[in-house]
């Protein structure tokens, strides 16, 4: 027999802490639609601010820091562009984009996600 669980909210026993996930993982931070031209993002989770460091270089600061700087993060853009993470700390995630000549390049729209353990 299949079971169905219908709830409006799941909380830890104390009612305020996040629920501990076991045998699964959820993104701990993400940013959608970062625009270099407007220095803004469409939506985000656990991102308190973004800093445009120059052509193709943005650093996002987490609202809640990660446990350490060894988390997994990745970024994509709406078109094919070479991207790499940079300057990763427990409280920030940097992304640099460049063209095929490895020159800095401001992508049209940048999206990234971070997986790991929160502090």
PDB file of N, CA and C in Angstrom:
ATOM      1  N   UNK A   1       0.840  -1.166   0.000  1.00  0.00           N
ATOM      2  CA  UNK A   1       0.000   0.000   0.000  1.00  0.00           C
ATOM      3  C   UNK A   1       0.895   1.243   0.000  1.00  0.00           C
ATOM      4  N   UNK A   2       0.556   2.218  -0.827  1.00  0.00           N
ATOM      5  CA  UNK A   2       1.298   3.472  -0.917  1.00  0.00           C
ATOM      6  C   UNK A   2       0.799   4.450   0.136  1.00  0.00           C
ATOM      7  N   UNK A   3       1.743   5.138   0.785  1.00  0.00           N
ATOM      8  CA  UNK A   3       1.388   6.137   1.793  1.00  0.00           C
ATOM      9  C   UNK A   3       1.550   7.536   1.211  1.00  0.00           C
ATOM     10  N   UNK A   4       0.709   8.437   1.662  1.00  0.00           N
ATOM     11  CA  UNK A   4       0.787   9.835   1.255  1.00  0.00           C
ATOM     12  C   UNK A   4       0.883  10.678   2.511  1.00  0.00           C
ATOM     13  N   UNK A   5       1.841  11.575   2.527  1.00  0.00           N
ATOM     14  CA  UNK A   5       2.028  12.482   3.654  1.00  0.00           C
ATOM     15  C   UNK A   5       1.758  13.894   3.154  1.00  0.00           C
ATOM     16  N   UNK A   6       0.729  14.539   3.667  1.00  0.00           N
ATOM     17  CA  UNK A   6       0.377  15.898   3.286  1.00  0.00           C
ATOM     18  C   UNK A   6       0.617  16.823   4.472  1.00  0.00           C
ATOM     19  N   UNK A   7       1.548  17.771   4.310  1.00  0.00           N
ATOM     20  CA  UNK A   7       1.867  18.703   5.382  1.00  0.00           C
ATOM     21  C   UNK A   7       2.054  20.100   4.793  1.00  0.00           C
ATOM     22  N   UNK A   8       1.914  21.106   5.630  1.00  0.00           N
ATOM     23  CA  UNK A   8       2.177  22.478   5.210  1.00  0.00           C
ATOM     24  C   UNK A   8       3.596  22.901   5.567  1.00  0.00           C
ATOM     25  N   UNK A   9       4.150  22.303   6.630  1.00  0.00           N
ATOM     26  CA  UNK A   9       5.482  22.699   7.076  1.00  0.00           C
ATOM     27  C   UNK A   9       6.121  21.557   7.843  1.00  0.00           C
ATOM     28  N   UNK A  10       7.434  21.391   7.661  1.00  0.00           N
ATOM     29  CA  UNK A  10       8.193  20.422   8.439  1.00  0.00           C
ATOM     30  C   UNK A  10       9.260  21.208   9.190  1.00  0.00           C
ATOM     31  N   UNK A  11       9.354  21.011  10.493  1.00  0.00           N
ATOM     32  CA  UNK A  11      10.329  21.731  11.318  1.00  0.00           C
ATOM     33  C   UNK A  11      10.999  20.755  12.265  1.00  0.00           C
ATOM     34  N   UNK A  12      12.183  21.134  12.739  1.00  0.00           N
ATOM     35  CA  UNK A  12      12.874  20.346  13.752  1.00  0.00           C
ATOM     36  C   UNK A  12      12.061  20.373  15.044  1.00  0.00           C
ATOM     37  N   UNK A  13      12.389  19.506  15.966  1.00  0.00           N
ATOM     38  CA  UNK A  13      11.630  19.415  17.218  1.00  0.00           C
ATOM     39  C   UNK A  13      11.512  20.737  17.955  1.00  0.00           C
ATOM     40  N   UNK A  14      12.565  21.579  17.883  1.00  0.00           N
ATOM     41  CA  UNK A  14      12.495  22.858  18.596  1.00  0.00           C
ATOM     42  C   UNK A  14      11.659  23.899  17.837  1.00  0.00           C
ATOM     43  N   UNK A  15      11.240  23.575  16.619  1.00  0.00           N
ATOM     44  CA  UNK A  15      10.355  24.454  15.861  1.00  0.00           C
ATOM     45  C   UNK A  15      11.036  25.546  15.066  1.00  0.00           C
ATOM     46  N   UNK A  16      12.356  25.708  15.231  1.00  0.00           N
ATOM     47  CA  UNK A  16      13.044  26.788  14.533  1.00  0.00           C
ATOM     48  C   UNK A  16      14.198  26.328  13.650  1.00  0.00           C
ATOM     49  N   UNK A  17      14.886  25.261  14.027  1.00  0.00           N
ATOM     50  CA  UNK A  17      16.037  24.802  13.254  1.00  0.00           C
ATOM     51  C   UNK A  17      15.597  24.098  11.973  1.00  0.00           C
ATOM     52  N   UNK A  18      16.479  24.092  10.961  1.00  0.00           N
ATOM     53  CA  UNK A  18      16.156  23.343   9.747  1.00  0.00           C
ATOM     54  C   UNK A  18      16.130  21.843  10.033  1.00  0.00           C
ATOM     55  N   UNK A  19      15.390  21.138   9.258  1.00  0.00           N
ATOM     56  CA  UNK A  19      15.293  19.691   9.392  1.00  0.00           C
ATOM     57  C   UNK A  19      16.564  19.059   8.836  1.00  0.00           C
ATOM     58  N   UNK A  20      17.091  18.051   9.510  1.00  0.00           N
ATOM     59  CA  UNK A  20      18.267  17.345   9.041  1.00  0.00           C
ATOM     60  C   UNK A  20      17.863  16.356   7.961  1.00  0.00           C
ATOM     61  N   UNK A  21      18.512  16.464   6.798  1.00  0.00           N
ATOM     62  CA  UNK A  21      18.242  15.533   5.713  1.00  0.00           C
ATOM     63  C   UNK A  21      19.163  14.333   5.843  1.00  0.00           C
ATOM     64  N   UNK A  22      18.636  13.155   5.683  1.00  0.00           N
ATOM     65  CA  UNK A  22      19.447  11.953   5.702  1.00  0.00           C
ATOM     66  C   UNK A  22      19.302  11.254   4.362  1.00  0.00           C
ATOM     67  N   UNK A  23      20.412  10.725   3.859  1.00  0.00           N
ATOM     68  CA  UNK A  23      20.442  10.000   2.595  1.00  0.00           C
ATOM     69  C   UNK A  23      19.958  10.835   1.414  1.00  0.00           C
ATOM     70  N   UNK A  24      20.090  12.162   1.528  1.00  0.00           N
ATOM     71  CA  UNK A  24      19.749  13.053   0.421  1.00  0.00           C
ATOM     72  C   UNK A  24      20.440  14.385   0.646  1.00  0.00           C
ATOM     73  N   UNK A  25      20.437  15.215  -0.356  1.00  0.00           N
ATOM     74  CA  UNK A  25      21.095  16.511  -0.247  1.00  0.00           C
ATOM     75  C   UNK A  25      20.229  17.561  -0.916  1.00  0.00           C
ATOM     76  N   UNK A  26      20.304  18.753  -0.394  1.00  0.00           N
ATOM     77  CA  UNK A  26      19.580  19.880  -0.983  1.00  0.00           C
ATOM     78  C   UNK A  26      20.561  21.023  -1.165  1.00  0.00           C
ATOM     79  N   UNK A  27      20.296  21.850  -2.139  1.00  0.00           N
ATOM     80  CA  UNK A  27      21.153  23.003  -2.375  1.00  0.00           C
ATOM     81  C   UNK A  27      21.138  23.905  -1.145  1.00  0.00           C
ATOM     82  N   UNK A  28      22.305  24.350  -0.709  1.00  0.00           N
ATOM     83  CA  UNK A  28      22.408  25.219   0.467  1.00  0.00           C
ATOM     84  C   UNK A  28      22.424  26.696   0.083  1.00  0.00           C
ATOM     85  N   UNK A  29      22.651  26.982  -1.201  1.00  0.00           N
ATOM     86  CA  UNK A  29      22.596  28.349  -1.709  1.00  0.00           C
ATOM     87  C   UNK A  29      22.425  28.280  -3.225  1.00  0.00           C
ATOM     88  N   UNK A  30      21.703  29.232  -3.770  1.00  0.00           N
ATOM     89  CA  UNK A  30      21.586  29.331  -5.215  1.00  0.00           C
ATOM     90  C   UNK A  30      21.233  30.760  -5.616  1.00  0.00           C
ATOM     91  N   UNK A  31      21.565  31.078  -6.830  1.00  0.00           N
ATOM     92  CA  UNK A  31      21.260  32.396  -7.368  1.00  0.00           C
ATOM     93  C   UNK A  31      20.807  32.211  -8.801  1.00  0.00           C
ATOM     94  N   UNK A  32      19.730  32.865  -9.156  1.00  0.00           N
ATOM     95  CA  UNK A  32      19.227  32.791 -10.515  1.00  0.00           C
ATOM     96  C   UNK A  32      19.247  34.144 -11.194  1.00  0.00           C
ATOM     97  N   UNK A  33      19.619  34.140 -12.448  1.00  0.00           N
ATOM     98  CA  UNK A  33      19.547  35.332 -13.299  1.00  0.00           C
ATOM     99  C   UNK A  33      20.376  36.514 -12.828  1.00  0.00           C
ATOM    100  N   UNK A  34      21.637  36.292 -12.386  1.00  0.00           N
ATOM    101  CA  UNK A  34      22.534  37.416 -12.079  1.00  0.00           C
ATOM    102  C   UNK A  34      22.840  38.138 -13.381  1.00  0.00           C
ATOM    103  N   UNK A  35      22.736  39.444 -13.366  1.00  0.00           N
ATOM    104  CA  UNK A  35      23.020  40.269 -14.541  1.00  0.00           C
ATOM    105  C   UNK A  35      24.165  41.220 -14.234  1.00  0.00           C
ATOM    106  N   UNK A  36      25.246  41.125 -14.997  1.00  0.00           N
ATOM    107  CA  UNK A  36      26.359  42.063 -14.828  1.00  0.00           C
ATOM    108  C   UNK A  36      25.939  43.481 -15.198  1.00  0.00           C
ATOM    109  N   UNK A  37      25.045  43.609 -16.183  1.00  0.00           N
ATOM    110  CA  UNK A  37      24.665  44.953 -16.639  1.00  0.00           C
ATOM    111  C   UNK A  37      23.847  45.715 -15.600  1.00  0.00           C
ATOM    112  N   UNK A  38      23.038  44.993 -14.797  1.00  0.00           N
ATOM    113  CA  UNK A  38      22.227  45.674 -13.776  1.00  0.00           C
ATOM    114  C   UNK A  38      22.730  45.416 -12.353  1.00  0.00           C
ATOM    115  N   UNK A  39      23.768  44.561 -12.204  1.00  0.00           N
ATOM    116  CA  UNK A  39      24.334  44.221 -10.902  1.00  0.00           C
ATOM    117  C   UNK A  39      23.249  43.710  -9.945  1.00  0.00           C
ATOM    118  N   UNK A  40      22.403  42.815 -10.457  1.00  0.00           N
ATOM    119  CA  UNK A  40      21.306  42.284  -9.639  1.00  0.00           C
ATOM    120  C   UNK A  40      20.965  40.866 -10.086  1.00  0.00           C
ATOM    121  N   UNK A  41      20.239  40.147  -9.210  1.00  0.00           N
ATOM    122  CA  UNK A  41      19.786  38.798  -9.554  1.00  0.00           C
ATOM    123  C   UNK A  41      18.271  38.743  -9.500  1.00  0.00           C
ATOM    124  N   UNK A  42      17.714  37.782 -10.225  1.00  0.00           N
ATOM    125  CA  UNK A  42      16.268  37.622 -10.245  1.00  0.00           C
ATOM    126  C   UNK A  42      15.744  37.051  -8.943  1.00  0.00           C
ATOM    127  N   UNK A  43      16.402  36.023  -8.420  1.00  0.00           N
ATOM    128  CA  UNK A  43      15.978  35.386  -7.183  1.00  0.00           C
ATOM    129  C   UNK A  43      17.177  34.654  -6.608  1.00  0.00           C
ATOM    130  N   UNK A  44      17.141  34.380  -5.309  1.00  0.00           N
ATOM    131  CA  UNK A  44      18.258  33.685  -4.685  1.00  0.00           C
ATOM    132  C   UNK A  44      17.819  33.053  -3.375  1.00  0.00           C
ATOM    133  N   UNK A  45      18.664  32.157  -2.865  1.00  0.00           N
ATOM    134  CA  UNK A  45      18.463  31.539  -1.564  1.00  0.00           C
ATOM    135  C   UNK A  45      19.806  31.509  -0.854  1.00  0.00           C
ATOM    136  N   UNK A  46      19.872  31.994   0.375  1.00  0.00           N
ATOM    137  CA  UNK A  46      21.069  32.041   1.205  1.00  0.00           C
ATOM    138  C   UNK A  46      22.171  32.907   0.583  1.00  0.00           C
ATOM    139  N   UNK A  47      21.807  33.869  -0.233  1.00  0.00           N
ATOM    140  CA  UNK A  47      22.750  34.834  -0.790  1.00  0.00           C
ATOM    141  C   UNK A  47      22.345  36.198  -0.256  1.00  0.00           C
ATOM    142  N   UNK A  48      23.253  36.847   0.474  1.00  0.00           N
ATOM    143  CA  UNK A  48      22.932  38.149   1.052  1.00  0.00           C
ATOM    144  C   UNK A  48      23.354  39.298   0.151  1.00  0.00           C
ATOM    145  N   UNK A  49      24.436  39.107  -0.643  1.00  0.00           N
ATOM    146  CA  UNK A  49      24.881  40.165  -1.546  1.00  0.00           C
ATOM    147  C   UNK A  49      25.754  39.576  -2.638  1.00  0.00           C
ATOM    148  N   UNK A  50      25.905  40.341  -3.723  1.00  0.00           N
ATOM    149  CA  UNK A  50      26.780  39.983  -4.832  1.00  0.00           C
ATOM    150  C   UNK A  50      27.684  41.169  -5.122  1.00  0.00           C
ATOM    151  N   UNK A  51      28.946  40.897  -5.396  1.00  0.00           N
ATOM    152  CA  UNK A  51      29.903  41.948  -5.703  1.00  0.00           C
ATOM    153  C   UNK A  51      30.452  41.729  -7.102  1.00  0.00           C
ATOM    154  N   UNK A  52      30.310  42.731  -7.960  1.00  0.00           N
ATOM    155  CA  UNK A  52      30.880  42.695  -9.299  1.00  0.00           C
ATOM    156  C   UNK A  52      32.337  43.141  -9.163  1.00  0.00           C
ATOM    157  N   UNK A  53      33.279  42.192  -9.301  1.00  0.00           N
ATOM    158  CA  UNK A  53      34.698  42.462  -9.119  1.00  0.00           C
ATOM    159  C   UNK A  53      35.393  42.916 -10.390  1.00  0.00           C
ATOM    160  N   UNK A  54      34.686  42.989 -11.479  1.00  0.00           N
ATOM    161  CA  UNK A  54      35.280  43.340 -12.766  1.00  0.00           C
ATOM    162  C   UNK A  54      34.675  42.475 -13.847  1.00  0.00           C
ATOM    163  N   UNK A  55      35.187  42.604 -15.040  1.00  0.00           N
ATOM    164  CA  UNK A  55      34.638  41.882 -16.185  1.00  0.00           C
ATOM    165  C   UNK A  55      34.625  40.378 -15.943  1.00  0.00           C
ATOM    166  N   UNK A  56      33.431  39.796 -15.948  1.00  0.00           N
ATOM    167  CA  UNK A  56      33.260  38.353 -15.804  1.00  0.00           C
ATOM    168  C   UNK A  56      33.546  37.800 -14.420  1.00  0.00           C
ATOM    169  N   UNK A  57      33.619  38.625 -13.396  1.00  0.00           N
ATOM    170  CA  UNK A  57      34.032  38.183 -12.060  1.00  0.00           C
ATOM    171  C   UNK A  57      33.026  38.675 -11.015  1.00  0.00           C
ATOM    172  N   UNK A  58      32.296  37.758 -10.403  1.00  0.00           N
ATOM    173  CA  UNK A  58      31.312  38.107  -9.373  1.00  0.00           C
ATOM    174  C   UNK A  58      31.531  37.223  -8.147  1.00  0.00           C
ATOM    175  N   UNK A  59      31.370  37.805  -6.960  1.00  0.00           N
ATOM    176  CA  UNK A  59      31.461  37.054  -5.709  1.00  0.00           C
ATOM    177  C   UNK A  59      30.134  37.186  -4.970  1.00  0.00           C
ATOM    178  N   UNK A  60      29.561  36.053  -4.599  1.00  0.00           N
ATOM    179  CA  UNK A  60      28.319  36.020  -3.823  1.00  0.00           C
ATOM    180  C   UNK A  60      28.661  35.726  -2.368  1.00  0.00           C
ATOM    181  N   UNK A  61      28.012  36.435  -1.448  1.00  0.00           N
ATOM    182  CA  UNK A  61      28.217  36.235  -0.018  1.00  0.00           C
ATOM    183  C   UNK A  61      27.001  35.520   0.564  1.00  0.00           C
ATOM    184  N   UNK A  62      27.244  34.455   1.325  1.00  0.00           N
ATOM    185  CA  UNK A  62      26.157  33.668   1.901  1.00  0.00           C
ATOM    186  C   UNK A  62      25.553  34.365   3.115  1.00  0.00           C
ATOM    187  N   UNK A  63      24.254  34.208   3.304  1.00  0.00           N
ATOM    188  CA  UNK A  63      23.593  34.671   4.523  1.00  0.00           C
ATOM    189  C   UNK A  63      24.014  33.792   5.693  1.00  0.00           C
ATOM    190  N   UNK A  64      24.037  32.481   5.475  1.00  0.00           N
ATOM    191  CA  UNK A  64      24.504  31.505   6.460  1.00  0.00           C
ATOM    192  C   UNK A  64      25.724  30.814   5.872  1.00  0.00           C
ATOM    193  N   UNK A  65      26.868  30.919   6.554  1.00  0.00           N
ATOM    194  CA  UNK A  65      28.121  30.369   6.043  1.00  0.00           C
ATOM    195  C   UNK A  65      28.088  28.853   5.961  1.00  0.00           C
ATOM    196  N   UNK A  66      28.939  28.330   5.104  1.00  0.00           N
ATOM    197  CA  UNK A  66      29.123  26.894   4.990  1.00  0.00           C
ATOM    198  C   UNK A  66      30.052  26.445   6.117  1.00  0.00           C
ATOM    199  N   UNK A  67      30.105  25.146   6.372  1.00  0.00           N
ATOM    200  CA  UNK A  67      30.950  24.584   7.425  1.00  0.00           C
ATOM    201  C   UNK A  67      32.425  24.843   7.152  1.00  0.00           C
ATOM    202  N   UNK A  68      32.832  24.820   5.881  1.00  0.00           N
ATOM    203  CA  UNK A  68      34.213  25.084   5.483  1.00  0.00           C
ATOM    204  C   UNK A  68      34.206  25.492   4.006  1.00  0.00           C
ATOM    205  N   UNK A  69      35.380  25.668   3.427  1.00  0.00           N
ATOM    206  CA  UNK A  69      35.480  26.105   2.034  1.00  0.00           C
ATOM    207  C   UNK A  69      35.517  24.935   1.056  1.00  0.00           C
ATOM    208  N   UNK A  70      35.275  23.717   1.532  1.00  0.00           N
ATOM    209  CA  UNK A  70      35.343  22.525   0.684  1.00  0.00           C
ATOM    210  C   UNK A  70      33.990  22.101   0.127  1.00  0.00           C
ATOM    211  N   UNK A  71      33.086  23.042  -0.086  1.00  0.00           N
ATOM    212  CA  UNK A  71      31.770  22.711  -0.630  1.00  0.00           C
ATOM    213  C   UNK A  71      31.835  22.622  -2.152  1.00  0.00           C
ATOM    214  N   UNK A  72      30.783  22.087  -2.729  1.00  0.00           N
ATOM    215  CA  UNK A  72      30.675  21.957  -4.173  1.00  0.00           C
ATOM    216  C   UNK A  72      29.829  23.097  -4.713  1.00  0.00           C
ATOM    217  N   UNK A  73      30.285  23.713  -5.766  1.00  0.00           N
ATOM    218  CA  UNK A  73      29.523  24.791  -6.379  1.00  0.00           C
ATOM    219  C   UNK A  73      29.713  24.772  -7.876  1.00  0.00           C
ATOM    220  N   UNK A  74      28.728  25.241  -8.578  1.00  0.00           N
ATOM    221  CA  UNK A  74      28.820  25.296 -10.023  1.00  0.00           C
ATOM    222  C   UNK A  74      28.009  26.446 -10.564  1.00  0.00           C
ATOM    223  N   UNK A  75      28.349  26.878 -11.754  1.00  0.00           N
ATOM    224  CA  UNK A  75      27.665  28.012 -12.362  1.00  0.00           C
ATOM    225  C   UNK A  75      27.395  27.724 -13.834  1.00  0.00           C
ATOM    226  N   UNK A  76      26.314  28.282 -14.320  1.00  0.00           N
ATOM    227  CA  UNK A  76      25.998  28.183 -15.744  1.00  0.00           C
ATOM    228  C   UNK A  76      25.538  29.543 -16.234  1.00  0.00           C
ATOM    229  N   UNK A  77      25.544  29.697 -17.524  1.00  0.00           N
ATOM    230  CA  UNK A  77      25.042  30.909 -18.142  1.00  0.00           C
ATOM    231  C   UNK A  77      24.060  30.474 -19.224  1.00  0.00           C
ATOM    232  N   UNK A  78      23.242  31.391 -19.698  1.00  0.00           N
ATOM    233  CA  UNK A  78      22.224  31.039 -20.689  1.00  0.00           C
ATOM    234  C   UNK A  78      22.822  30.613 -22.020  1.00  0.00           C
ATOM    235  N   UNK A  79      24.038  31.038 -22.308  1.00  0.00           N
ATOM    236  CA  UNK A  79      24.751  30.630 -23.517  1.00  0.00           C
ATOM    237  C   UNK A  79      25.998  29.884 -23.082  1.00  0.00           C
ATOM    238  N   UNK A  80      26.625  29.185 -24.012  1.00  0.00           N
ATOM    239  CA  UNK A  80      27.849  28.474 -23.646  1.00  0.00           C
ATOM    240  C   UNK A  80      28.968  29.472 -23.400  1.00  0.00           C
ATOM    241  N   UNK A  81      29.474  29.484 -22.198  1.00  0.00           N
ATOM    242  CA  UNK A  81      30.600  30.337 -21.811  1.00  0.00           C
ATOM    243  C   UNK A  81      31.467  29.519 -20.866  1.00  0.00           C
ATOM    244  N   UNK A  82      32.753  29.730 -20.905  1.00  0.00           N
ATOM    245  CA  UNK A  82      33.643  29.036 -19.988  1.00  0.00           C
ATOM    246  C   UNK A  82      33.557  29.691 -18.619  1.00  0.00           C
ATOM    247  N   UNK A  83      33.224  28.901 -17.606  1.00  0.00           N
ATOM    248  CA  UNK A  83      33.048  29.421 -16.241  1.00  0.00           C
ATOM    249  C   UNK A  83      33.909  28.623 -15.282  1.00  0.00           C
ATOM    250  N   UNK A  84      34.340  29.254 -14.223  1.00  0.00           N
ATOM    251  CA  UNK A  84      35.051  28.532 -13.161  1.00  0.00           C
ATOM    252  C   UNK A  84      34.732  29.191 -11.838  1.00  0.00           C
ATOM    253  N   UNK A  85      34.760  28.398 -10.782  1.00  0.00           N
ATOM    254  CA  UNK A  85      34.579  28.988  -9.466  1.00  0.00           C
ATOM    255  C   UNK A  85      35.925  29.549  -9.019  1.00  0.00           C
ATOM    256  N   UNK A  86      35.875  30.598  -8.220  1.00  0.00           N
ATOM    257  CA  UNK A  86      37.099  31.245  -7.756  1.00  0.00           C
ATOM    258  C   UNK A  86      36.881  31.793  -6.358  1.00  0.00           C
ATOM    259  N   UNK A  87      37.922  32.104  -5.679  1.00  0.00           N
ATOM    260  CA  UNK A  87      37.897  32.741  -4.362  1.00  0.00           C
ATOM    261  C   UNK A  87      36.847  32.160  -3.424  1.00  0.00           C
ATOM    262  N   UNK A  88      36.786  30.846  -3.341  1.00  0.00           N
ATOM    263  CA  UNK A  88      35.795  30.159  -2.525  1.00  0.00           C
ATOM    264  C   UNK A  88      36.232  30.127  -1.067  1.00  0.00           C
ATOM    265  N   UNK A  89      35.382  30.661  -0.168  1.00  0.00           N
ATOM    266  CA  UNK A  89      35.614  30.573   1.273  1.00  0.00           C
ATOM    267  C   UNK A  89      34.349  30.011   1.909  1.00  0.00           C
ATOM    268  N   UNK A  90      34.333  29.845   3.218  1.00  0.00           N
ATOM    269  CA  UNK A  90      33.131  29.319   3.871  1.00  0.00           C
ATOM    270  C   UNK A  90      31.965  30.305   3.790  1.00  0.00           C
ATOM    271  N   UNK A  91      32.243  31.572   3.494  1.00  0.00           N
ATOM    272  CA  UNK A  91      31.154  32.566   3.437  1.00  0.00           C
ATOM    273  C   UNK A  91      30.957  33.192   2.062  1.00  0.00           C
ATOM    274  N   UNK A  92      31.758  32.798   1.064  1.00  0.00           N
ATOM    275  CA  UNK A  92      31.607  33.366  -0.277  1.00  0.00           C
ATOM    276  C   UNK A  92      31.812  32.314  -1.357  1.00  0.00           C
ATOM    277  N   UNK A  93      31.270  32.604  -2.534  1.00  0.00           N
ATOM    278  CA  UNK A  93      31.447  31.766  -3.718  1.00  0.00           C
ATOM    279  C   UNK A  93      31.665  32.700  -4.897  1.00  0.00           C
ATOM    280  N   UNK A  94      32.827  32.597  -5.523  1.00  0.00           N
ATOM    281  CA  UNK A  94      33.138  33.458  -6.655  1.00  0.00           C
ATOM    282  C   UNK A  94      33.016  32.719  -7.966  1.00  0.00           C
ATOM    283  N   UNK A  95      32.638  33.427  -9.007  1.00  0.00           N
ATOM    284  CA  UNK A  95      32.530  32.853 -10.338  1.00  0.00           C
ATOM    285  C   UNK A  95      33.211  33.782 -11.326  1.00  0.00           C
ATOM    286  N   UNK A  96      34.053  33.218 -12.188  1.00  0.00           N
ATOM    287  CA  UNK A  96      34.689  33.990 -13.250  1.00  0.00           C
ATOM    288  C   UNK A  96      34.278  33.389 -14.586  1.00  0.00           C
ATOM    289  N   UNK A  97      33.916  34.255 -15.504  1.00  0.00           N
ATOM    290  CA  UNK A  97      33.558  33.793 -16.842  1.00  0.00           C
ATOM    291  C   UNK A  97      34.522  34.413 -17.844  1.00  0.00           C
ATOM    292  N   UNK A  98      34.836  33.659 -18.889  1.00  0.00           N
ATOM    293  CA  UNK A  98      35.730  34.167 -19.925  1.00  0.00           C
ATOM    294  C   UNK A  98      35.355  33.556 -21.262  1.00  0.00           C
ATOM    295  N   UNK A  99      35.820  34.195 -22.314  1.00  0.00           N
ATOM    296  CA  UNK A  99      35.543  33.688 -23.653  1.00  0.00           C
ATOM    297  C   UNK A  99      36.604  32.665 -24.038  1.00  0.00           C
ATOM    298  N   UNK A 100      36.557  32.185 -25.260  1.00  0.00           N
ATOM    299  CA  UNK A 100      37.486  31.136 -25.678  1.00  0.00           C
ATOM    300  C   UNK A 100      38.933  31.608 -25.744  1.00  0.00           C
ATOM    301  N   UNK A 101      39.155  32.915 -25.740  1.00  0.00           N
ATOM    302  CA  UNK A 101      40.516  33.462 -25.687  1.00  0.00           C
ATOM    303  C   UNK A 101      40.958  33.692 -24.245  1.00  0.00           C
ATOM    304  N   UNK A 102      40.164  33.254 -23.291  1.00  0.00           N
ATOM    305  CA  UNK A 102      40.406  33.385 -21.854  1.00  0.00           C
ATOM    306  C   UNK A 102      40.456  34.834 -21.379  1.00  0.00           C
ATOM    307  N   UNK A 103      39.773  35.714 -22.103  1.00  0.00           N
ATOM    308  CA  UNK A 103      39.619  37.097 -21.650  1.00  0.00           C
ATOM    309  C   UNK A 103      38.348  37.165 -20.814  1.00  0.00           C
ATOM    310  N   UNK A 104      38.338  38.006 -19.758  1.00  0.00           N
ATOM    311  CA  UNK A 104      37.138  38.161 -18.944  1.00  0.00           C
ATOM    312  C   UNK A 104      35.945  38.535 -19.808  1.00  0.00           C
ATOM    313  N   UNK A 105      34.785  37.979 -19.459  1.00  0.00           N
ATOM    314  CA  UNK A 105      33.600  38.158 -20.283  1.00  0.00           C
ATOM    315  C   UNK A 105      32.381  38.239 -19.380  1.00  0.00           C
ATOM    316  N   UNK A 106      31.608  39.329 -19.478  1.00  0.00           N
ATOM    317  CA  UNK A 106      30.362  39.461 -18.710  1.00  0.00           C
ATOM    318  C   UNK A 106      29.263  38.675 -19.411  1.00  0.00           C
ATOM    319  N   UNK A 107      28.832  37.569 -18.799  1.00  0.00           N
ATOM    320  CA  UNK A 107      27.758  36.769 -19.377  1.00  0.00           C
ATOM    321  C   UNK A 107      26.444  37.533 -19.275  1.00  0.00           C
ATOM    322  N   UNK A 108      25.480  37.159 -20.104  1.00  0.00           N
ATOM    323  CA  UNK A 108      24.182  37.821 -20.084  1.00  0.00           C
ATOM    324  C   UNK A 108      23.430  37.508 -18.806  1.00  0.00           C
ATOM    325  N   UNK A 109      23.347  36.255 -18.440  1.00  0.00           N
ATOM    326  CA  UNK A 109      22.662  35.808 -17.225  1.00  0.00           C
ATOM    327  C   UNK A 109      23.460  34.678 -16.602  1.00  0.00           C
ATOM    328  N   UNK A 110      23.740  34.791 -15.313  1.00  0.00           N
ATOM    329  CA  UNK A 110      24.520  33.799 -14.587  1.00  0.00           C
ATOM    330  C   UNK A 110      23.650  33.133 -13.535  1.00  0.00           C
ATOM    331  N   UNK A 111      23.784  31.826 -13.394  1.00  0.00           N
ATOM    332  CA  UNK A 111      23.052  31.052 -12.391  1.00  0.00           C
ATOM    333  C   UNK A 111      24.066  30.170 -11.678  1.00  0.00           C
ATOM    334  N   UNK A 112      23.979  30.059 -10.345  1.00  0.00           N
ATOM    335  CA  UNK A 112      24.843  29.102  -9.671  1.00  0.00           C
ATOM    336  C   UNK A 112      24.141  28.455  -8.483  1.00  0.00           C
ATOM    337  N   UNK A 113      24.686  27.300  -8.099  1.00  0.00           N
ATOM    338  CA  UNK A 113      24.146  26.547  -6.968  1.00  0.00           C
ATOM    339  C   UNK A 113      25.302  25.986  -6.147  1.00  0.00           C
ATOM    340  N   UNK A 114      25.080  25.833  -4.845  1.00  0.00           N
ATOM    341  CA  UNK A 114      26.110  25.389  -3.916  1.00  0.00           C
ATOM    342  C   UNK A 114      25.558  24.236  -3.079  1.00  0.00           C
ATOM    343  N   UNK A 115      26.359  23.172  -2.940  1.00  0.00           N
ATOM    344  CA  UNK A 115      25.988  22.029  -2.105  1.00  0.00           C
ATOM    345  C   UNK A 115      27.095  21.796  -1.089  1.00  0.00           C
ATOM    346  N   UNK A 116      26.728  21.491   0.145  1.00  0.00           N
ATOM    347  CA  UNK A 116      27.680  21.222   1.210  1.00  0.00           C
ATOM    348  C   UNK A 116      26.977  21.304   2.538  1.00  0.00           C
ATOM    349  N   UNK A 117      27.744  21.369   3.618  1.00  0.00           N
ATOM    350  CA  UNK A 117      27.190  21.440   4.965  1.00  0.00           C
ATOM    351  C   UNK A 117      27.250  22.868   5.484  1.00  0.00           C
ATOM    352  N   UNK A 118      26.159  23.356   6.045  1.00  0.00           N
ATOM    353  CA  UNK A 118      26.156  24.665   6.663  1.00  0.00           C
ATOM    354  C   UNK A 118      26.872  24.599   8.007  1.00  0.00           C
ATOM    355  N   UNK A 119      27.428  25.729   8.419  1.00  0.00           N
ATOM    356  CA  UNK A 119      28.145  25.787   9.700  1.00  0.00           C
ATOM    357  C   UNK A 119      27.199  25.605  10.854  1.00  0.00           C
TER     358      UNK A 119
END
